[in-house]
PDB file of N, CA and C in Angstrom:
ATOM      1  N   MET A   1      14.022  25.080 -17.586  1.00  0.00           N
ATOM      2  CA  MET A   1      14.266  24.270 -16.635  1.00  0.00           C
ATOM      3  C   MET A   1      12.671  24.805 -15.932  1.00  0.00           C
ATOM      4  N   ILE A   2      12.080  23.730 -15.219  1.00  0.00           N
ATOM      5  CA  ILE A   2      11.159  23.996 -14.197  1.00  0.00           C
ATOM      6  C   ILE A   2      11.838  23.796 -13.056  1.00  0.00           C
ATOM      7  N   GLN A   3      11.321  24.328 -11.751  1.00  0.00           N
ATOM      8  CA  GLN A   3      11.321  23.591 -10.552  1.00  0.00           C
ATOM      9  C   GLN A   3      10.671  23.519  -9.437  1.00  0.00           C
ATOM     10  N   ILE A   4      10.324  22.314  -9.100  1.00  0.00           N
ATOM     11  CA  ILE A   4       8.990  21.898  -7.970  1.00  0.00           C
ATOM     12  C   ILE A   4       9.763  22.437  -6.880  1.00  0.00           C
ATOM     13  N   LYS A   5       9.004  23.667  -6.336  1.00  0.00           N
ATOM     14  CA  LYS A   5       9.045  24.100  -4.853  1.00  0.00           C
ATOM     15  C   LYS A   5       8.254  23.510  -4.109  1.00  0.00           C
ATOM     16  N   LYS A   6       7.082  23.237  -4.562  1.00  0.00           N
ATOM     17  CA  LYS A   6       5.797  22.775  -3.444  1.00  0.00           C
ATOM     18  C   LYS A   6       5.215  21.883  -3.894  1.00  0.00           C
ATOM     19  N   VAL A   7       4.665  21.005  -3.195  1.00  0.00           N
ATOM     20  CA  VAL A   7       3.770  19.845  -3.627  1.00  0.00           C
ATOM     21  C   VAL A   7       2.397  19.962  -2.731  1.00  0.00           C
ATOM     22  N   GLY A   8       1.086  19.546  -3.602  1.00  0.00           N
ATOM     23  CA  GLY A   8      -0.031  19.551  -3.108  1.00  0.00           C
ATOM     24  C   GLY A   8      -0.297  18.119  -1.897  1.00  0.00           C
ATOM     25  N   VAL A   9       0.202  18.559  -0.718  1.00  0.00           N
ATOM     26  CA  VAL A   9       0.031  17.416   0.475  1.00  0.00           C
ATOM     27  C   VAL A   9      -0.659  16.510   0.091  1.00  0.00           C
ATOM     28  N   PHE A  10      -2.403  17.048   0.021  1.00  0.00           N
ATOM     29  CA  PHE A  10      -3.212  16.272   0.164  1.00  0.00           C
ATOM     30  C   PHE A  10      -3.540  14.968  -1.206  1.00  0.00           C
ATOM     31  N   SER A  11      -2.972  15.926  -2.353  1.00  0.00           N
ATOM     32  CA  SER A  11      -2.820  15.453  -3.496  1.00  0.00           C
ATOM     33  C   SER A  11      -1.671  14.223  -3.511  1.00  0.00           C
ATOM     34  N   LEU A  12      -0.732  14.376  -2.856  1.00  0.00           N
ATOM     35  CA  LEU A  12       0.129  13.537  -2.749  1.00  0.00           C
ATOM     36  C   LEU A  12       0.001  12.033  -2.350  1.00  0.00           C
ATOM     37  N   GLY A  13      -0.681  12.559  -0.597  1.00  0.00           N
ATOM     38  CA  GLY A  13      -1.116  11.559   0.225  1.00  0.00           C
ATOM     39  C   GLY A  13      -2.252  10.902  -0.721  1.00  0.00           C
ATOM     40  N   LYS A  14      -3.300  11.062  -1.491  1.00  0.00           N
ATOM     41  CA  LYS A  14      -4.465  10.783  -2.103  1.00  0.00           C
ATOM     42  C   LYS A  14      -3.665   9.563  -3.295  1.00  0.00           C
ATOM     43  N   MET A  15      -2.826   9.909  -4.330  1.00  0.00           N
ATOM     44  CA  MET A  15      -1.998   9.275  -4.983  1.00  0.00           C
ATOM     45  C   MET A  15      -1.128   7.931  -4.164  1.00  0.00           C
ATOM     46  N   MET A  16      -0.357   8.186  -3.295  1.00  0.00           N
ATOM     47  CA  MET A  16       0.491   7.432  -2.227  1.00  0.00           C
ATOM     48  C   MET A  16      -0.783   6.184  -1.916  1.00  0.00           C
ATOM     49  N   GLY A  17      -1.793   6.691  -1.403  1.00  0.00           N
ATOM     50  CA  GLY A  17      -2.821   5.903  -0.728  1.00  0.00           C
ATOM     51  C   GLY A  17      -3.267   4.929  -1.679  1.00  0.00           C
ATOM     52  N   LEU A  18      -3.469   5.127  -2.801  1.00  0.00           N
ATOM     53  CA  LEU A  18      -4.418   4.570  -4.253  1.00  0.00           C
ATOM     54  C   LEU A  18      -3.181   3.700  -4.719  1.00  0.00           C
ATOM     55  N   LEU A  19      -1.984   3.922  -5.017  1.00  0.00           N
ATOM     56  CA  LEU A  19      -0.952   2.842  -5.393  1.00  0.00           C
ATOM     57  C   LEU A  19      -0.627   2.112  -4.059  1.00  0.00           C
ATOM     58  N   TYR A  20      -0.227   2.579  -3.021  1.00  0.00           N
ATOM     59  CA  TYR A  20       0.040   1.704  -2.079  1.00  0.00           C
ATOM     60  C   TYR A  20      -1.283   0.507  -1.670  1.00  0.00           C
ATOM     61  N   ALA A  21      -2.765   0.941  -2.106  1.00  0.00           N
ATOM     62  CA  ALA A  21      -3.708   0.213  -2.062  1.00  0.00           C
ATOM     63  C   ALA A  21      -3.895  -0.778  -2.905  1.00  0.00           C
ATOM     64  N   LEU A  22      -3.291  -0.496  -4.607  1.00  0.00           N
ATOM     65  CA  LEU A  22      -3.096  -1.568  -5.433  1.00  0.00           C
ATOM     66  C   LEU A  22      -2.042  -2.463  -5.100  1.00  0.00           C
ATOM     67  N   LEU A  23      -0.694  -2.161  -4.089  1.00  0.00           N
ATOM     68  CA  LEU A  23       0.154  -3.202  -3.927  1.00  0.00           C
ATOM     69  C   LEU A  23      -0.461  -4.163  -2.799  1.00  0.00           C
ATOM     70  N   GLY A  24      -1.064  -3.473  -2.290  1.00  0.00           N
ATOM     71  CA  GLY A  24      -1.801  -4.462  -1.139  1.00  0.00           C
ATOM     72  C   GLY A  24      -2.641  -5.080  -1.632  1.00  0.00           C
ATOM     73  N   LEU A  25      -3.303  -4.951  -2.555  1.00  0.00           N
ATOM     74  CA  LEU A  25      -4.095  -6.213  -3.196  1.00  0.00           C
ATOM     75  C   LEU A  25      -3.644  -7.116  -4.000  1.00  0.00           C
ATOM     76  N   ILE A  26      -2.686  -6.779  -4.441  1.00  0.00           N
ATOM     77  CA  ILE A  26      -1.224  -7.554  -5.052  1.00  0.00           C
ATOM     78  C   ILE A  26      -0.886  -8.343  -3.932  1.00  0.00           C
ATOM     79  N   LEU A  27      -0.334  -8.042  -3.214  1.00  0.00           N
ATOM     80  CA  LEU A  27      -0.186  -9.040  -2.002  1.00  0.00           C
ATOM     81  C   LEU A  27      -0.966  -9.535  -1.327  1.00  0.00           C
ATOM     82  N   GLY A  28      -2.266  -9.014  -1.182  1.00  0.00           N
ATOM     83  CA  GLY A  28      -3.397  -9.577  -0.284  1.00  0.00           C
ATOM     84  C   GLY A  28      -3.870 -11.102  -1.053  1.00  0.00           C
ATOM     85  N   ALA A  29      -3.898 -10.660  -2.833  1.00  0.00           N
ATOM     86  CA  ALA A  29      -4.220 -12.060  -3.078  1.00  0.00           C
ATOM     87  C   ALA A  29      -3.429 -13.376  -3.164  1.00  0.00           C
ATOM     88  N   MET A  30      -1.982 -12.800  -3.232  1.00  0.00           N
ATOM     89  CA  MET A  30      -1.149 -13.599  -3.389  1.00  0.00           C
ATOM     90  C   MET A  30      -1.024 -14.614  -1.863  1.00  0.00           C
ATOM     91  N   PHE A  31      -1.277 -13.481  -0.939  1.00  0.00           N
ATOM     92  CA  PHE A  31      -1.688 -14.211   0.685  1.00  0.00           C
ATOM     93  C   PHE A  31      -2.610 -15.270   0.836  1.00  0.00           C
ATOM     94  N   SER A  32      -4.117 -14.596   0.082  1.00  0.00           N
ATOM     95  CA  SER A  32      -4.806 -15.714  -0.045  1.00  0.00           C
ATOM     96  C   SER A  32      -4.515 -16.679  -0.452  1.00  0.00           C
ATOM     97  N   CYS A  33      -4.037 -16.462  -1.868  1.00  0.00           N
ATOM     98  CA  CYS A  33      -3.926 -17.621  -2.772  1.00  0.00           C
ATOM     99  C   CYS A  33      -2.801 -19.232  -2.187  1.00  0.00           C
ATOM    100  N   PHE A  34      -1.950 -18.432  -1.304  1.00  0.00           N
ATOM    101  CA  PHE A  34      -1.386 -19.470  -0.278  1.00  0.00           C
ATOM    102  C   PHE A  34      -1.634 -19.552   0.691  1.00  0.00           C
ATOM    103  N   SER A  35      -2.903 -18.742   1.624  1.00  0.00           N
ATOM    104  CA  SER A  35      -3.028 -19.326   2.413  1.00  0.00           C
ATOM    105  C   SER A  35      -4.316 -20.449   2.283  1.00  0.00           C
ATOM    106  N   LEU A  36      -5.135 -20.364   1.310  1.00  0.00           N
ATOM    107  CA  LEU A  36      -6.289 -21.186   0.767  1.00  0.00           C
ATOM    108  C   LEU A  36      -5.761 -22.363   0.011  1.00  0.00           C
ATOM    109  N   LEU A  37      -4.617 -22.405  -0.195  1.00  0.00           N
ATOM    110  CA  LEU A  37      -3.764 -23.840  -0.811  1.00  0.00           C
ATOM    111  C   LEU A  37      -3.617 -24.543   0.379  1.00  0.00           C
ATOM    112  N   GLY A  38      -3.089 -23.933   1.416  1.00  0.00           N
ATOM    113  CA  GLY A  38      -2.278 -24.284   2.884  1.00  0.00           C
ATOM    114  C   GLY A  38      -3.497 -25.007   3.029  1.00  0.00           C
ATOM    115  N   SER A  39      -4.661 -24.369   3.830  1.00  0.00           N
ATOM    116  CA  SER A  39      -5.771 -25.049   4.089  1.00  0.00           C
ATOM    117  C   SER A  39      -6.651 -25.881   3.599  1.00  0.00           C
ATOM    118  N   ALA A  40      -6.777 -25.798   2.332  1.00  0.00           N
ATOM    119  CA  ALA A  40      -6.897 -26.778   1.521  1.00  0.00           C
ATOM    120  C   ALA A  40      -6.401 -28.207   1.709  1.00  0.00           C
ATOM    121  N   ALA A  41      -5.093 -28.368   1.762  1.00  0.00           N
ATOM    122  CA  ALA A  41      -4.146 -29.412   2.103  1.00  0.00           C
ATOM    123  C   ALA A  41      -4.593 -29.482   3.637  1.00  0.00           C
ATOM    124  N   MET A  42      -4.612 -28.878   4.582  1.00  0.00           N
ATOM    125  CA  MET A  42      -4.945 -29.207   5.853  1.00  0.00           C
ATOM    126  C   MET A  42      -6.246 -29.769   5.901  1.00  0.00           C
ATOM    127  N   ILE A  43      -7.200 -29.422   5.390  1.00  0.00           N
ATOM    128  CA  ILE A  43      -8.526 -29.993   5.994  1.00  0.00           C
ATOM    129  C   ILE A  43      -8.707 -31.147   5.308  1.00  0.00           C
ATOM    130  N   SER A  44      -7.936 -31.863   4.064  1.00  0.00           N
ATOM    131  CA  SER A  44      -8.135 -32.757   3.956  1.00  0.00           C
ATOM    132  C   SER A  44      -7.233 -33.869   4.398  1.00  0.00           C
ATOM    133  N   GLU A  45      -6.029 -33.129   5.173  1.00  0.00           N
ATOM    134  CA  GLU A  45      -5.491 -34.215   6.316  1.00  0.00           C
ATOM    135  C   GLU A  45      -5.728 -34.161   7.339  1.00  0.00           C
ATOM    136  N   ALA A  46      -6.315 -32.911   7.974  1.00  0.00           N
ATOM    137  CA  ALA A  46      -6.701 -32.990   9.345  1.00  0.00           C
ATOM    138  C   ALA A  46      -8.354 -32.913   9.613  1.00  0.00           C
ATOM    139  N   GLY A  47      -8.729 -32.667   8.698  1.00  0.00           N
ATOM    140  CA  GLY A  47     -10.716 -32.659   8.899  1.00  0.00           C
ATOM    141  C   GLY A  47     -11.112 -31.524   8.926  1.00  0.00           C
ATOM    142  N   GLY A  48     -11.433 -31.339   9.949  1.00  0.00           N
ATOM    143  CA  GLY A  48     -12.010 -29.231   9.891  1.00  0.00           C
ATOM    144  C   GLY A  48     -11.156 -28.026  10.711  1.00  0.00           C
ATOM    145  N   GLU A  49      -9.573 -28.589  11.174  1.00  0.00           N
ATOM    146  CA  GLU A  49      -8.932 -28.084  11.800  1.00  0.00           C
ATOM    147  C   GLU A  49      -8.294 -26.814  10.576  1.00  0.00           C
ATOM    148  N   GLY A  50      -8.064 -27.116   9.584  1.00  0.00           N
ATOM    149  CA  GLY A  50      -7.464 -26.490   8.455  1.00  0.00           C
ATOM    150  C   GLY A  50      -8.280 -25.286   8.393  1.00  0.00           C
ATOM    151  N   ALA A  51      -9.638 -24.981   8.285  1.00  0.00           N
ATOM    152  CA  ALA A  51     -10.755 -24.118   7.919  1.00  0.00           C
ATOM    153  C   ALA A  51      -9.956 -22.557   8.534  1.00  0.00           C
ATOM    154  N   ILE A  52      -9.394 -22.452   9.685  1.00  0.00           N
ATOM    155  CA  ILE A  52      -8.872 -21.290   9.704  1.00  0.00           C
ATOM    156  C   ILE A  52      -8.263 -20.471   8.881  1.00  0.00           C
ATOM    157  N   GLY A  53      -7.601 -21.745   8.348  1.00  0.00           N
ATOM    158  CA  GLY A  53      -6.557 -20.589   6.501  1.00  0.00           C
ATOM    159  C   GLY A  53      -7.120 -19.920   6.093  1.00  0.00           C
ATOM    160  N   LEU A  54      -9.045 -20.798   5.585  1.00  0.00           N
ATOM    161  CA  LEU A  54      -9.996 -19.552   5.204  1.00  0.00           C
ATOM    162  C   LEU A  54     -10.371 -18.213   5.191  1.00  0.00           C
ATOM    163  N   ILE A  55     -10.306 -18.429   6.447  1.00  0.00           N
ATOM    164  CA  ILE A  55     -10.836 -16.867   6.985  1.00  0.00           C
ATOM    165  C   ILE A  55      -9.360 -16.473   6.690  1.00  0.00           C
ATOM    166  N   PHE A  56      -8.428 -16.460   7.489  1.00  0.00           N
ATOM    167  CA  PHE A  56      -6.854 -15.402   7.084  1.00  0.00           C
ATOM    168  C   PHE A  56      -7.220 -15.337   5.407  1.00  0.00           C
ATOM    169  N   GLY A  57      -7.336 -16.359   4.427  1.00  0.00           N
ATOM    170  CA  GLY A  57      -7.044 -16.021   3.081  1.00  0.00           C
ATOM    171  C   GLY A  57      -8.274 -14.753   2.532  1.00  0.00           C
ATOM    172  N   LEU A  58      -9.447 -15.135   3.027  1.00  0.00           N
ATOM    173  CA  LEU A  58     -10.295 -14.134   2.882  1.00  0.00           C
ATOM    174  C   LEU A  58      -9.851 -12.939   3.023  1.00  0.00           C
ATOM    175  N   GLY A  59      -9.636 -12.851   4.810  1.00  0.00           N
ATOM    176  CA  GLY A  59      -9.242 -11.601   5.327  1.00  0.00           C
ATOM    177  C   GLY A  59      -8.538 -10.869   4.586  1.00  0.00           C
ATOM    178  N   GLY A  60      -7.127 -11.849   4.026  1.00  0.00           N
ATOM    179  CA  GLY A  60      -6.124 -11.088   3.854  1.00  0.00           C
ATOM    180  C   GLY A  60      -6.480 -10.080   2.056  1.00  0.00           C
ATOM    181  N   ILE A  61      -7.474 -10.719   1.608  1.00  0.00           N
ATOM    182  CA  ILE A  61      -7.799  -9.763   0.459  1.00  0.00           C
ATOM    183  C   ILE A  61      -8.668  -8.227   0.725  1.00  0.00           C
ATOM    184  N   ILE A  62      -9.586  -8.772   1.801  1.00  0.00           N
ATOM    185  CA  ILE A  62      -9.839  -7.503   2.391  1.00  0.00           C
ATOM    186  C   ILE A  62      -9.113  -6.419   3.205  1.00  0.00           C
ATOM    187  N   PHE A  63      -8.572  -7.076   4.018  1.00  0.00           N
ATOM    188  CA  PHE A  63      -7.501  -5.742   5.021  1.00  0.00           C
ATOM    189  C   PHE A  63      -6.312  -5.730   4.250  1.00  0.00           C
ATOM    190  N   PHE A  64      -5.693  -6.405   3.659  1.00  0.00           N
ATOM    191  CA  PHE A  64      -4.603  -5.795   3.476  1.00  0.00           C
ATOM    192  C   PHE A  64      -4.367  -4.589   2.110  1.00  0.00           C
ATOM    193  N   PRO A  65      -5.407  -4.346   1.181  1.00  0.00           N
ATOM    194  CA  PRO A  65      -5.634  -3.113   0.399  1.00  0.00           C
ATOM    195  C   PRO A  65      -6.156  -2.023   1.586  1.00  0.00           C
ATOM    196  N   LEU A  66      -6.686  -2.331   2.202  1.00  0.00           N
ATOM    197  CA  LEU A  66      -7.467  -1.391   3.826  1.00  0.00           C
ATOM    198  C   LEU A  66      -6.013  -0.796   4.238  1.00  0.00           C
ATOM    199  N   ILE A  67      -5.087  -1.598   4.660  1.00  0.00           N
ATOM    200  CA  ILE A  67      -3.886  -1.152   5.475  1.00  0.00           C
ATOM    201  C   ILE A  67      -2.762  -0.905   4.803  1.00  0.00           C
ATOM    202  N   TYR A  68      -2.593  -1.120   3.598  1.00  0.00           N
ATOM    203  CA  TYR A  68      -1.531  -0.471   2.859  1.00  0.00           C
ATOM    204  C   TYR A  68      -2.427   0.785   2.455  1.00  0.00           C
ATOM    205  N   GLY A  69      -3.364   1.154   1.722  1.00  0.00           N
ATOM    206  CA  GLY A  69      -4.123   2.447   1.524  1.00  0.00           C
ATOM    207  C   GLY A  69      -3.861   3.084   2.300  1.00  0.00           C
ATOM    208  N   LEU A  70      -4.312   2.715   3.544  1.00  0.00           N
ATOM    209  CA  LEU A  70      -4.247   4.096   4.951  1.00  0.00           C
ATOM    210  C   LEU A  70      -2.859   4.397   5.341  1.00  0.00           C
ATOM    211  N   MET A  71      -1.926   3.255   5.191  1.00  0.00           N
ATOM    212  CA  MET A  71      -0.389   3.275   5.389  1.00  0.00           C
ATOM    213  C   MET A  71       0.334   4.228   4.165  1.00  0.00           C
ATOM    214  N   GLY A  72       0.003   4.160   3.105  1.00  0.00           N
ATOM    215  CA  GLY A  72       0.599   4.812   2.219  1.00  0.00           C
ATOM    216  C   GLY A  72       0.081   6.564   2.119  1.00  0.00           C
ATOM    217  N   PHE A  73      -1.424   6.491   2.496  1.00  0.00           N
ATOM    218  CA  PHE A  73      -2.160   7.999   2.803  1.00  0.00           C
ATOM    219  C   PHE A  73      -1.028   8.716   3.702  1.00  0.00           C
ATOM    220  N   ILE A  74      -0.891   7.884   4.710  1.00  0.00           N
ATOM    221  CA  ILE A  74      -0.368   8.706   6.014  1.00  0.00           C
ATOM    222  C   ILE A  74       0.997   9.013   5.527  1.00  0.00           C
ATOM    223  N   GLY A  75       1.814   8.161   4.863  1.00  0.00           N
ATOM    224  CA  GLY A  75       3.031   7.996   4.321  1.00  0.00           C
ATOM    225  C   GLY A  75       3.360   9.141   3.109  1.00  0.00           C
ATOM    226  N   GLY A  76       2.403   9.322   2.521  1.00  0.00           N
ATOM    227  CA  GLY A  76       2.282  10.529   1.489  1.00  0.00           C
ATOM    228  C   GLY A  76       2.252  11.828   2.114  1.00  0.00           C
ATOM    229  N   LEU A  77       1.560  11.805   2.810  1.00  0.00           N
ATOM    230  CA  LEU A  77       1.158  13.765   3.975  1.00  0.00           C
ATOM    231  C   LEU A  77       2.281  13.741   4.456  1.00  0.00           C
ATOM    232  N   LEU A  78       3.153  12.872   5.086  1.00  0.00           N
ATOM    233  CA  LEU A  78       4.346  13.129   5.717  1.00  0.00           C
ATOM    234  C   LEU A  78       5.297  13.556   4.577  1.00  0.00           C
ATOM    235  N   VAL A  79       5.613  12.643   3.556  1.00  0.00           N
ATOM    236  CA  VAL A  79       6.381  12.770   2.470  1.00  0.00           C
ATOM    237  C   VAL A  79       6.483  14.449   1.736  1.00  0.00           C
ATOM    238  N   GLY A  80       4.713  14.810   1.769  1.00  0.00           N
ATOM    239  CA  GLY A  80       4.449  16.080   1.278  1.00  0.00           C
ATOM    240  C   GLY A  80       4.899  17.069   2.021  1.00  0.00           C
ATOM    241  N   VAL A  81       4.598  17.064   3.553  1.00  0.00           N
ATOM    242  CA  VAL A  81       5.366  17.971   4.332  1.00  0.00           C
ATOM    243  C   VAL A  81       6.425  18.385   4.444  1.00  0.00           C
ATOM    244  N   LEU A  82       7.185  17.091   4.568  1.00  0.00           N
ATOM    245  CA  LEU A  82       8.663  16.780   4.344  1.00  0.00           C
ATOM    246  C   LEU A  82       9.085  17.800   3.396  1.00  0.00           C
ATOM    247  N   TYR A  83       8.381  17.480   2.471  1.00  0.00           N
ATOM    248  CA  TYR A  83       9.458  18.070   0.786  1.00  0.00           C
ATOM    249  C   TYR A  83       9.062  19.637   0.815  1.00  0.00           C
ATOM    250  N   ASN A  84       7.916  20.041   1.313  1.00  0.00           N
ATOM    251  CA  ASN A  84       7.680  21.193   1.382  1.00  0.00           C
ATOM    252  C   ASN A  84       8.703  21.884   1.831  1.00  0.00           C
ATOM    253  N   VAL A  85       8.273  21.592   3.370  1.00  0.00           N
ATOM    254  CA  VAL A  85       9.858  22.195   4.161  1.00  0.00           C
ATOM    255  C   VAL A  85      11.179  22.196   3.525  1.00  0.00           C
ATOM    256  N   ILE A  86      11.449  21.181   3.102  1.00  0.00           N
ATOM    257  CA  ILE A  86      12.863  20.823   2.711  1.00  0.00           C
ATOM    258  C   ILE A  86      13.516  21.501   1.448  1.00  0.00           C
ATOM    259  N   ALA A  87      12.116  21.312   0.569  1.00  0.00           N
ATOM    260  CA  ALA A  87      12.458  22.577  -0.906  1.00  0.00           C
ATOM    261  C   ALA A  87      12.551  23.712  -0.728  1.00  0.00           C
ATOM    262  N   GLY A  88      11.499  24.226   0.603  1.00  0.00           N
ATOM    263  CA  GLY A  88      11.902  26.369   1.028  1.00  0.00           C
ATOM    264  C   GLY A  88      13.198  26.085   1.334  1.00  0.00           C
ATOM    265  N   MET A  89      14.055  25.239   1.829  1.00  0.00           N
ATOM    266  CA  MET A  89      15.354  25.773   2.261  1.00  0.00           C
ATOM    267  C   MET A  89      16.163  25.404   1.017  1.00  0.00           C
ATOM    268  N   ALA A  90      16.127  24.302   0.503  1.00  0.00           N
ATOM    269  CA  ALA A  90      17.267  23.856  -0.506  1.00  0.00           C
ATOM    270  C   ALA A  90      16.630  24.350  -1.992  1.00  0.00           C
ATOM    271  N   GLY A  91      15.335  25.047  -2.798  1.00  0.00           N
ATOM    272  CA  GLY A  91      15.026  25.190  -3.437  1.00  0.00           C
ATOM    273  C   GLY A  91      14.366  24.614  -4.433  1.00  0.00           C
ATOM    274  N   GLY A  92      14.075  23.083  -4.048  1.00  0.00           N
ATOM    275  CA  GLY A  92      13.145  21.945  -4.823  1.00  0.00           C
ATOM    276  C   GLY A  92      13.990  21.361  -5.992  1.00  0.00           C
ATOM    277  N   ILE A  93      13.187  20.484  -6.825  1.00  0.00           N
ATOM    278  CA  ILE A  93      13.666  19.563  -7.662  1.00  0.00           C
ATOM    279  C   ILE A  93      13.854  20.174  -8.915  1.00  0.00           C
ATOM    280  N   GLU A  94      14.997  20.392  -9.895  1.00  0.00           N
ATOM    281  CA  GLU A  94      14.940  20.884 -11.411  1.00  0.00           C
ATOM    282  C   GLU A  94      14.440  19.937 -12.206  1.00  0.00           C
ATOM    283  N   ILE A  95      13.627  20.048 -13.223  1.00  0.00           N
ATOM    284  CA  ILE A  95      13.357  19.375 -14.207  1.00  0.00           C
ATOM    285  C   ILE A  95      13.783  19.898 -15.471  1.00  0.00           C
ATOM    286  N   TYR A  96      14.134  19.414 -16.003  1.00  0.00           N
ATOM    287  CA  TYR A  96      15.022  19.867 -17.747  1.00  0.00           C
ATOM    288  C   TYR A  96      13.968  19.325 -18.543  1.00  0.00           C
ATOM    289  N   THR A  97      13.398  20.475 -19.569  1.00  0.00           N
ATOM    290  CA  THR A  97      11.969  19.790 -20.630  1.00  0.00           C
ATOM    291  C   THR A  97      12.802  20.758 -21.965  1.00  0.00           C
ATOM    292  N   GLU A  98      12.283  19.706 -22.983  1.00  0.00           N
ATOM    293  CA  GLU A  98      12.304  20.571 -24.241  1.00  0.00           C
ATOM    294  C   GLU A  98      11.006  20.978 -24.741  1.00  0.00           C
TER     295      GLU A  98
END
């Protein structure tokens, strides 16, 4: 049995930040596709007024990963600190290996 009594706060923050940035990239790509499809329909129907969807579509693919990554990093730091405090009191997580 191995007991995890402490985690590296910065290490957990980096991992969570990267995982959330990847999730943000996927969601940003989906948002971008839907926004571009909607703006293409509006441009053909209403002239140039649908071009705002192009801006939102391209912005989503850039800003979603940045915002999600930053929030994941901050969340990872908070979870790491909380885990270290609570594991000090409760004893940590037990992992059984063979």
